[in-house]
Amino acid sequence: KQWYQRRVRVQATADTEERLAYFTEIPSEEGLFTQDFRCLTCSTHIGVQGQDYRVCGYDKRYYCKPCFGNFSIVIPGRIIYNWDHNKYRVSKGNFDFLNQVLSAPNLDISKLNVSLYDHVPELAKIRDYRRMLNMTREYLVRCNNKDEVSFESVRKKLGSHAYYWDSPHLYSTSDIQRVFSGQLLNYLKKIVQRTIHHVYCCARCSSFGFICEYCQSPKPIFAFELATTDQCAGCASVY
């Protein structure tokens, strides 16, 4: 029994790794001969002198009709490279896999397709809001004011999406769908507006503002004011 369980775990790991290989790709069909005219799942003969088959929209592999089923889902690679949010028919195994990783933050836009920011204005706005959220966190961490916009309250509101203020580029497939629907932009906008308002109004947080070393204006400036300030990458001064 233990040997069988280990074998199942090894097989599951191998299957997962193979499915992950297609996660950020748009594969092409290679022909039935590459599978020896057999279903990828059950090895039943398909095609010529075999059963009817279907092509999976996720891995472009071939499956018999019973193993394929009738499942449709968005394809991460098509979203990342083509901003294509249509659902495609996929095999049952790939449908289950894509649902399992739907909420996993494993899509880094800056590494996969940074030009997407130039073509999807909403995504660029969300990147900036997440940058601002990251910057306001530094103020909330040092603040001892326990109002409704405290560090702990924002952390709880973000919940499993704490990576929103860790990296401006990291997304799950579910996040990307919320970008497309407009939900994520509105959600982040409200949080950022409240955190920035807190920094401006809180005596302790506002005291950590910068005085521009160029113009010497007495009005403090903040790094999260992206439209009017720049921050030095070396010394972190704000101008």
C-alpha atoms as a PDB file:
ATOM      1  CA  LYS A   1       0.000   0.000   0.000  1.00  0.00           C
ATOM      2  CA  GLN A   2       2.815   2.439   0.867  1.00  0.00           C
ATOM      3  CA  TRP A   3       4.562   1.610  -2.410  1.00  0.00           C
ATOM      4  CA  TYR A   4       1.336   2.278  -4.319  1.00  0.00           C
ATOM      5  CA  GLN A   5       0.831   5.636  -2.546  1.00  0.00           C
ATOM      6  CA  ARG A   6       4.390   6.695  -3.364  1.00  0.00           C
ATOM      7  CA  ARG A   7       3.858   5.720  -7.001  1.00  0.00           C
ATOM      8  CA  VAL A   8       0.642   7.768  -7.152  1.00  0.00           C
ATOM      9  CA  ARG A   9       2.411  10.803  -5.633  1.00  0.00           C
ATOM     10  CA  VAL A  10       5.295  10.518  -8.119  1.00  0.00           C
ATOM     11  CA  GLN A  11       2.855  10.192 -11.006  1.00  0.00           C
ATOM     12  CA  ALA A  12       0.855  13.189  -9.765  1.00  0.00           C
ATOM     13  CA  THR A  13       4.035  15.271  -9.497  1.00  0.00           C
ATOM     14  CA  ALA A  14       5.117  14.306 -13.012  1.00  0.00           C
ATOM     15  CA  ASP A  15       1.665  15.118 -14.399  1.00  0.00           C
ATOM     16  CA  THR A  16       1.647  18.488 -12.648  1.00  0.00           C
ATOM     17  CA  GLU A  17       5.090  19.406 -13.956  1.00  0.00           C
ATOM     18  CA  GLU A  18       4.063  18.482 -17.483  1.00  0.00           C
ATOM     19  CA  ARG A  19       0.882  20.539 -17.242  1.00  0.00           C
ATOM     20  CA  LEU A  20       2.811  23.512 -15.785  1.00  0.00           C
ATOM     21  CA  ALA A  21       5.092  23.450 -18.822  1.00  0.00           C
ATOM     22  CA  TYR A  22       2.154  24.721 -20.904  1.00  0.00           C
ATOM     23  CA  PHE A  23       0.926  27.252 -18.352  1.00  0.00           C
ATOM     24  CA  THR A  24       2.564  30.284 -19.940  1.00  0.00           C
ATOM     25  CA  GLU A  25       2.863  28.932 -23.472  1.00  0.00           C
ATOM     26  CA  ILE A  26       0.616  28.680 -26.520  1.00  0.00           C
ATOM     27  CA  PRO A  27       1.537  25.255 -27.927  1.00  0.00           C
ATOM     28  CA  SER A  28       0.790  24.031 -31.445  1.00  0.00           C
ATOM     29  CA  GLU A  29      -0.519  20.694 -32.621  1.00  0.00           C
ATOM     30  CA  GLU A  30       2.228  18.235 -33.504  1.00  0.00           C
ATOM     31  CA  GLY A  31       0.155  15.446 -35.015  1.00  0.00           C
ATOM     32  CA  LEU A  32      -1.359  12.200 -33.786  1.00  0.00           C
ATOM     33  CA  PHE A  33       1.769  10.250 -34.685  1.00  0.00           C
ATOM     34  CA  THR A  34       3.619  11.955 -31.797  1.00  0.00           C
ATOM     35  CA  GLN A  35       1.297  10.053 -29.440  1.00  0.00           C
ATOM     36  CA  ASP A  36       1.410   6.876 -31.494  1.00  0.00           C
ATOM     37  CA  PHE A  37      -2.286   7.455 -32.321  1.00  0.00           C
ATOM     38  CA  ARG A  38      -3.248   6.919 -28.672  1.00  0.00           C
ATOM     39  CA  CYS A  39      -5.212   8.976 -26.173  1.00  0.00           C
ATOM     40  CA  LEU A  40      -2.827  10.786 -23.856  1.00  0.00           C
ATOM     41  CA  THR A  41      -4.852   9.777 -20.792  1.00  0.00           C
ATOM     42  CA  CYS A  42      -5.949   6.186 -21.321  1.00  0.00           C
ATOM     43  CA  SER A  43      -3.814   5.097 -24.323  1.00  0.00           C
ATOM     44  CA  THR A  44      -6.875   4.021 -26.320  1.00  0.00           C
ATOM     45  CA  HIS A  45      -6.253   3.985 -30.084  1.00  0.00           C
ATOM     46  CA  ILE A  46      -7.605   7.151 -31.711  1.00  0.00           C
ATOM     47  CA  GLY A  47      -7.652   8.558 -35.203  1.00  0.00           C
ATOM     48  CA  VAL A  48      -7.042   6.219 -38.124  1.00  0.00           C
ATOM     49  CA  GLN A  49      -8.817   2.923 -37.410  1.00  0.00           C
ATOM     50  CA  GLY A  50      -9.407   4.087 -33.856  1.00  0.00           C
ATOM     51  CA  GLN A  51     -11.899   6.078 -31.834  1.00  0.00           C
ATOM     52  CA  ASP A  52     -12.857   9.688 -32.484  1.00  0.00           C
ATOM     53  CA  TYR A  53     -10.668  12.182 -30.679  1.00  0.00           C
ATOM     54  CA  ARG A  54     -10.552  15.780 -29.493  1.00  0.00           C
ATOM     55  CA  VAL A  55      -7.731  18.330 -29.373  1.00  0.00           C
ATOM     56  CA  CYS A  56      -7.238  20.056 -26.015  1.00  0.00           C
ATOM     57  CA  GLY A  57      -7.134  23.853 -26.166  1.00  0.00           C
ATOM     58  CA  TYR A  58      -4.584  23.961 -23.337  1.00  0.00           C
ATOM     59  CA  ASP A  59      -1.807  21.535 -24.339  1.00  0.00           C
ATOM     60  CA  LYS A  60      -2.869  20.789 -27.952  1.00  0.00           C
ATOM     61  CA  ARG A  61      -2.598  17.084 -27.192  1.00  0.00           C
ATOM     62  CA  TYR A  62      -5.046  14.434 -28.333  1.00  0.00           C
ATOM     63  CA  TYR A  63      -7.670  12.640 -26.229  1.00  0.00           C
ATOM     64  CA  CYS A  64     -10.450  10.146 -26.815  1.00  0.00           C
ATOM     65  CA  LYS A  65     -13.964  11.529 -26.334  1.00  0.00           C
ATOM     66  CA  PRO A  66     -14.595   9.841 -22.925  1.00  0.00           C
ATOM     67  CA  CYS A  67     -11.336  11.279 -21.480  1.00  0.00           C
ATOM     68  CA  PHE A  68     -11.962  14.687 -23.005  1.00  0.00           C
ATOM     69  CA  GLY A  69     -15.447  15.315 -21.689  1.00  0.00           C
ATOM     70  CA  ASN A  70     -17.157  18.677 -22.141  1.00  0.00           C
ATOM     71  CA  PHE A  71     -15.147  21.268 -20.223  1.00  0.00           C
ATOM     72  CA  SER A  72     -14.249  24.855 -21.128  1.00  0.00           C
ATOM     73  CA  ILE A  73     -11.964  27.335 -19.353  1.00  0.00           C
ATOM     74  CA  VAL A  74      -9.732  30.352 -20.004  1.00  0.00           C
ATOM     75  CA  ILE A  75      -6.139  29.584 -21.033  1.00  0.00           C
ATOM     76  CA  PRO A  76      -3.442  31.531 -19.074  1.00  0.00           C
ATOM     77  CA  GLY A  77      -0.973  31.628 -21.973  1.00  0.00           C
ATOM     78  CA  ARG A  78      -3.550  33.087 -24.332  1.00  0.00           C
ATOM     79  CA  ILE A  79      -4.400  35.777 -21.797  1.00  0.00           C
ATOM     80  CA  ILE A  80      -0.760  36.732 -21.205  1.00  0.00           C
ATOM     81  CA  TYR A  81       0.276  36.906 -24.847  1.00  0.00           C
ATOM     82  CA  ASN A  82      -2.960  37.772 -26.684  1.00  0.00           C
ATOM     83  CA  TRP A  83      -5.198  39.214 -23.943  1.00  0.00           C
ATOM     84  CA  ASP A  84      -7.630  36.533 -25.040  1.00  0.00           C
ATOM     85  CA  HIS A  85     -10.180  35.824 -22.302  1.00  0.00           C
ATOM     86  CA  ASN A  86     -12.297  33.392 -24.290  1.00  0.00           C
ATOM     87  CA  LYS A  87     -12.957  29.946 -22.872  1.00  0.00           C
ATOM     88  CA  TYR A  88     -11.554  26.954 -24.772  1.00  0.00           C
ATOM     89  CA  ARG A  89     -12.495  23.323 -24.606  1.00  0.00           C
ATOM     90  CA  VAL A  90      -9.916  21.317 -22.689  1.00  0.00           C
ATOM     91  CA  SER A  91      -9.473  17.770 -21.441  1.00  0.00           C
ATOM     92  CA  LYS A  92     -10.903  16.859 -18.055  1.00  0.00           C
ATOM     93  CA  GLY A  93      -7.425  16.481 -16.531  1.00  0.00           C
ATOM     94  CA  ASN A  94      -6.309  19.907 -17.704  1.00  0.00           C
ATOM     95  CA  PHE A  95      -9.615  21.452 -16.635  1.00  0.00           C
ATOM     96  CA  ASP A  96      -9.117  20.111 -13.106  1.00  0.00           C
ATOM     97  CA  PHE A  97      -5.504  21.319 -13.054  1.00  0.00           C
ATOM     98  CA  LEU A  98      -6.335  24.846 -14.267  1.00  0.00           C
ATOM     99  CA  ASN A  99      -9.087  25.125 -11.668  1.00  0.00           C
ATOM    100  CA  GLN A 100      -6.699  24.024  -8.925  1.00  0.00           C
ATOM    101  CA  VAL A 101      -4.177  26.762  -9.776  1.00  0.00           C
ATOM    102  CA  LEU A 102      -6.764  29.418 -10.654  1.00  0.00           C
ATOM    103  CA  SER A 103      -5.948  31.491  -7.550  1.00  0.00           C
ATOM    104  CA  ALA A 104      -2.196  30.802  -7.404  1.00  0.00           C
ATOM    105  CA  PRO A 105      -0.103  33.978  -8.033  1.00  0.00           C
ATOM    106  CA  ASN A 106       2.242  32.435 -10.589  1.00  0.00           C
ATOM    107  CA  LEU A 107       2.042  34.943 -13.463  1.00  0.00           C
ATOM    108  CA  ASP A 108       4.734  37.647 -13.384  1.00  0.00           C
ATOM    109  CA  ILE A 109       3.796  40.140 -16.108  1.00  0.00           C
ATOM    110  CA  SER A 110       7.200  41.846 -15.983  1.00  0.00           C
ATOM    111  CA  LYS A 111       8.913  38.584 -16.942  1.00  0.00           C
ATOM    112  CA  LEU A 112       6.317  37.014 -19.223  1.00  0.00           C
ATOM    113  CA  ASN A 113       5.076  39.935 -21.312  1.00  0.00           C
ATOM    114  CA  VAL A 114       5.886  43.396 -19.972  1.00  0.00           C
ATOM    115  CA  SER A 115       4.543  45.014 -23.176  1.00  0.00           C
ATOM    116  CA  LEU A 116       1.066  44.061 -21.989  1.00  0.00           C
ATOM    117  CA  TYR A 117       1.113  47.223 -19.866  1.00  0.00           C
ATOM    118  CA  ASP A 118       1.339  49.283 -23.065  1.00  0.00           C
ATOM    119  CA  HIS A 119      -1.652  47.578 -24.647  1.00  0.00           C
ATOM    120  CA  VAL A 120      -3.972  47.213 -21.635  1.00  0.00           C
ATOM    121  CA  PRO A 121      -4.454  50.597 -19.895  1.00  0.00           C
ATOM    122  CA  GLU A 122      -6.351  49.031 -16.966  1.00  0.00           C
ATOM    123  CA  LEU A 123      -3.398  46.753 -16.241  1.00  0.00           C
ATOM    124  CA  ALA A 124      -0.992  49.722 -16.226  1.00  0.00           C
ATOM    125  CA  LYS A 125      -3.265  51.560 -13.776  1.00  0.00           C
ATOM    126  CA  ILE A 126      -3.399  48.524 -11.508  1.00  0.00           C
ATOM    127  CA  ARG A 127       0.412  48.262 -11.583  1.00  0.00           C
ATOM    128  CA  ASP A 128       0.633  51.874 -10.387  1.00  0.00           C
ATOM    129  CA  TYR A 129      -1.967  51.348  -7.658  1.00  0.00           C
ATOM    130  CA  ARG A 130      -0.040  48.330  -6.431  1.00  0.00           C
ATOM    131  CA  ARG A 131       3.159  50.370  -6.398  1.00  0.00           C
ATOM    132  CA  MET A 132       1.405  53.016  -4.323  1.00  0.00           C
ATOM    133  CA  LEU A 133       0.003  50.353  -2.018  1.00  0.00           C
ATOM    134  CA  ASN A 134       3.519  49.022  -1.485  1.00  0.00           C
ATOM    135  CA  MET A 135       4.803  52.496  -0.651  1.00  0.00           C
ATOM    136  CA  THR A 136       1.998  53.352   1.779  1.00  0.00           C
ATOM    137  CA  ARG A 137       2.618  50.072   3.587  1.00  0.00           C
ATOM    138  CA  GLU A 138       5.956  51.459   4.785  1.00  0.00           C
ATOM    139  CA  TYR A 139       4.075  54.218   6.580  1.00  0.00           C
ATOM    140  CA  LEU A 140       1.404  51.940   8.041  1.00  0.00           C
ATOM    141  CA  VAL A 141       4.027  49.556   9.437  1.00  0.00           C
ATOM    142  CA  ARG A 142       5.517  52.374  11.536  1.00  0.00           C
ATOM    143  CA  CYS A 143       2.175  53.883  12.538  1.00  0.00           C
ATOM    144  CA  ASN A 144       0.751  53.220  16.005  1.00  0.00           C
ATOM    145  CA  ASN A 145      -2.654  54.607  15.105  1.00  0.00           C
ATOM    146  CA  LYS A 146      -5.159  51.752  15.405  1.00  0.00           C
ATOM    147  CA  ASP A 147      -7.867  53.241  13.199  1.00  0.00           C
ATOM    148  CA  GLU A 148      -9.658  51.402  10.366  1.00  0.00           C
ATOM    149  CA  VAL A 149      -6.731  51.978   7.993  1.00  0.00           C
ATOM    150  CA  SER A 150      -4.048  50.436  10.191  1.00  0.00           C
ATOM    151  CA  PHE A 151      -1.478  48.032   8.776  1.00  0.00           C
ATOM    152  CA  GLU A 152      -3.302  45.106  10.340  1.00  0.00           C
ATOM    153  CA  SER A 153      -6.707  46.138   8.970  1.00  0.00           C
ATOM    154  CA  VAL A 154      -5.359  46.473   5.428  1.00  0.00           C
ATOM    155  CA  ARG A 155      -3.517  43.165   5.727  1.00  0.00           C
ATOM    156  CA  LYS A 156      -6.738  41.456   6.770  1.00  0.00           C
ATOM    157  CA  LYS A 157      -8.666  43.094   3.937  1.00  0.00           C
ATOM    158  CA  LEU A 158      -6.139  41.819   1.404  1.00  0.00           C
ATOM    159  CA  GLY A 159      -6.309  38.354   2.958  1.00  0.00           C
ATOM    160  CA  SER A 160      -4.785  35.764   0.625  1.00  0.00           C
ATOM    161  CA  HIS A 161      -3.898  38.567  -1.797  1.00  0.00           C
ATOM    162  CA  ALA A 162      -1.094  39.983   0.367  1.00  0.00           C
ATOM    163  CA  TYR A 163       1.152  39.722  -2.696  1.00  0.00           C
ATOM    164  CA  TYR A 164      -0.722  42.749  -4.087  1.00  0.00           C
ATOM    165  CA  TRP A 165       1.525  45.002  -2.037  1.00  0.00           C
ATOM    166  CA  ASP A 166       4.639  42.828  -2.305  1.00  0.00           C
ATOM    167  CA  SER A 167       4.973  42.958  -6.084  1.00  0.00           C
ATOM    168  CA  PRO A 168       3.136  45.121  -8.639  1.00  0.00           C
ATOM    169  CA  HIS A 169       3.559  42.477 -11.350  1.00  0.00           C
ATOM    170  CA  LEU A 170       2.408  39.210  -9.763  1.00  0.00           C
ATOM    171  CA  TYR A 171      -1.005  37.825 -10.701  1.00  0.00           C
ATOM    172  CA  SER A 172      -3.089  34.689 -10.545  1.00  0.00           C
ATOM    173  CA  THR A 173      -5.318  33.669 -13.438  1.00  0.00           C
ATOM    174  CA  SER A 174      -8.265  34.724 -11.291  1.00  0.00           C
ATOM    175  CA  ASP A 175      -6.672  38.168 -10.780  1.00  0.00           C
ATOM    176  CA  ILE A 176      -6.262  38.616 -14.524  1.00  0.00           C
ATOM    177  CA  GLN A 177      -9.936  37.818 -15.030  1.00  0.00           C
ATOM    178  CA  ARG A 178     -10.780  40.489 -12.448  1.00  0.00           C
ATOM    179  CA  VAL A 179      -8.615  42.953 -14.387  1.00  0.00           C
ATOM    180  CA  PHE A 180     -10.661  42.191 -17.507  1.00  0.00           C
ATOM    181  CA  SER A 181     -13.964  42.672 -15.675  1.00  0.00           C
ATOM    182  CA  GLY A 182     -12.821  45.922 -14.021  1.00  0.00           C
ATOM    183  CA  GLN A 183     -13.298  44.552 -10.510  1.00  0.00           C
ATOM    184  CA  LEU A 184      -9.642  44.546  -9.487  1.00  0.00           C
ATOM    185  CA  LEU A 185      -9.036  48.154 -10.517  1.00  0.00           C
ATOM    186  CA  ASN A 186     -11.986  49.393  -8.442  1.00  0.00           C
ATOM    187  CA  TYR A 187     -11.000  47.207  -5.488  1.00  0.00           C
ATOM    188  CA  LEU A 188      -7.402  48.461  -5.369  1.00  0.00           C
ATOM    189  CA  LYS A 189      -8.369  52.074  -6.055  1.00  0.00           C
ATOM    190  CA  LYS A 190     -10.542  52.173  -2.934  1.00  0.00           C
ATOM    191  CA  ILE A 191      -7.858  50.637  -0.719  1.00  0.00           C
ATOM    192  CA  VAL A 192      -5.114  52.941  -2.006  1.00  0.00           C
ATOM    193  CA  GLN A 193      -7.269  56.057  -1.651  1.00  0.00           C
ATOM    194  CA  ARG A 194      -7.963  55.193   1.972  1.00  0.00           C
ATOM    195  CA  THR A 195      -4.325  54.428   2.821  1.00  0.00           C
ATOM    196  CA  ILE A 196      -3.086  57.627   1.170  1.00  0.00           C
ATOM    197  CA  HIS A 197      -5.743  59.662   2.984  1.00  0.00           C
ATOM    198  CA  HIS A 198      -4.540  58.139   6.244  1.00  0.00           C
ATOM    199  CA  VAL A 199      -0.908  59.082   5.533  1.00  0.00           C
ATOM    200  CA  TYR A 200      -1.870  62.683   4.761  1.00  0.00           C
ATOM    201  CA  CYS A 201      -4.064  63.040   7.845  1.00  0.00           C
ATOM    202  CA  CYS A 202      -2.042  61.062  10.396  1.00  0.00           C
ATOM    203  CA  ALA A 203       0.439  63.247  12.298  1.00  0.00           C
ATOM    204  CA  ARG A 204       2.969  60.429  12.630  1.00  0.00           C
ATOM    205  CA  CYS A 205       2.745  59.151   9.031  1.00  0.00           C
ATOM    206  CA  SER A 206       2.792  62.601   7.442  1.00  0.00           C
ATOM    207  CA  SER A 207       5.927  63.455   9.431  1.00  0.00           C
ATOM    208  CA  PHE A 208       7.829  60.925   7.289  1.00  0.00           C
ATOM    209  CA  GLY A 209       7.256  62.988   4.155  1.00  0.00           C
ATOM    210  CA  PHE A 210      10.204  64.377   2.175  1.00  0.00           C
ATOM    211  CA  ILE A 211      11.282  67.927   1.455  1.00  0.00           C
ATOM    212  CA  CYS A 212      12.368  68.265  -2.161  1.00  0.00           C
ATOM    213  CA  GLU A 213      16.116  68.981  -2.203  1.00  0.00           C
ATOM    214  CA  TYR A 214      15.795  70.853  -5.483  1.00  0.00           C
ATOM    215  CA  CYS A 215      13.024  73.382  -4.868  1.00  0.00           C
ATOM    216  CA  GLN A 216      13.087  73.270  -1.046  1.00  0.00           C
ATOM    217  CA  SER A 217       9.328  73.707  -0.900  1.00  0.00           C
ATOM    218  CA  PRO A 218       8.117  73.431   2.712  1.00  0.00           C
ATOM    219  CA  LYS A 219       5.259  71.202   1.610  1.00  0.00           C
ATOM    220  CA  PRO A 220       6.214  67.545   2.187  1.00  0.00           C
ATOM    221  CA  ILE A 221       6.107  65.159  -0.763  1.00  0.00           C
ATOM    222  CA  PHE A 222       5.700  61.399  -0.832  1.00  0.00           C
ATOM    223  CA  ALA A 223       7.005  58.634  -3.086  1.00  0.00           C
ATOM    224  CA  PHE A 224       3.497  57.321  -3.727  1.00  0.00           C
ATOM    225  CA  GLU A 225       2.653  60.575  -5.526  1.00  0.00           C
ATOM    226  CA  LEU A 226       3.711  58.950  -8.781  1.00  0.00           C
ATOM    227  CA  ALA A 227       2.396  61.688 -11.071  1.00  0.00           C
ATOM    228  CA  THR A 228       4.433  64.495  -9.472  1.00  0.00           C
ATOM    229  CA  THR A 229       7.471  62.894  -7.821  1.00  0.00           C
ATOM    230  CA  ASP A 230      10.434  60.663  -8.580  1.00  0.00           C
ATOM    231  CA  GLN A 231      12.372  58.530  -6.125  1.00  0.00           C
ATOM    232  CA  CYS A 232      16.091  57.867  -6.399  1.00  0.00           C
ATOM    233  CA  ALA A 233      16.762  54.141  -6.680  1.00  0.00           C
ATOM    234  CA  GLY A 234      20.072  54.558  -4.878  1.00  0.00           C
ATOM    235  CA  CYS A 235      19.378  56.708  -1.839  1.00  0.00           C
ATOM    236  CA  ALA A 236      15.530  56.589  -1.862  1.00  0.00           C
ATOM    237  CA  SER A 237      15.281  60.377  -1.725  1.00  0.00           C
ATOM    238  CA  VAL A 238      12.152  61.848  -3.295  1.00  0.00           C
ATOM    239  CA  TYR A 239      12.168  64.860  -5.640  1.00  0.00           C
END
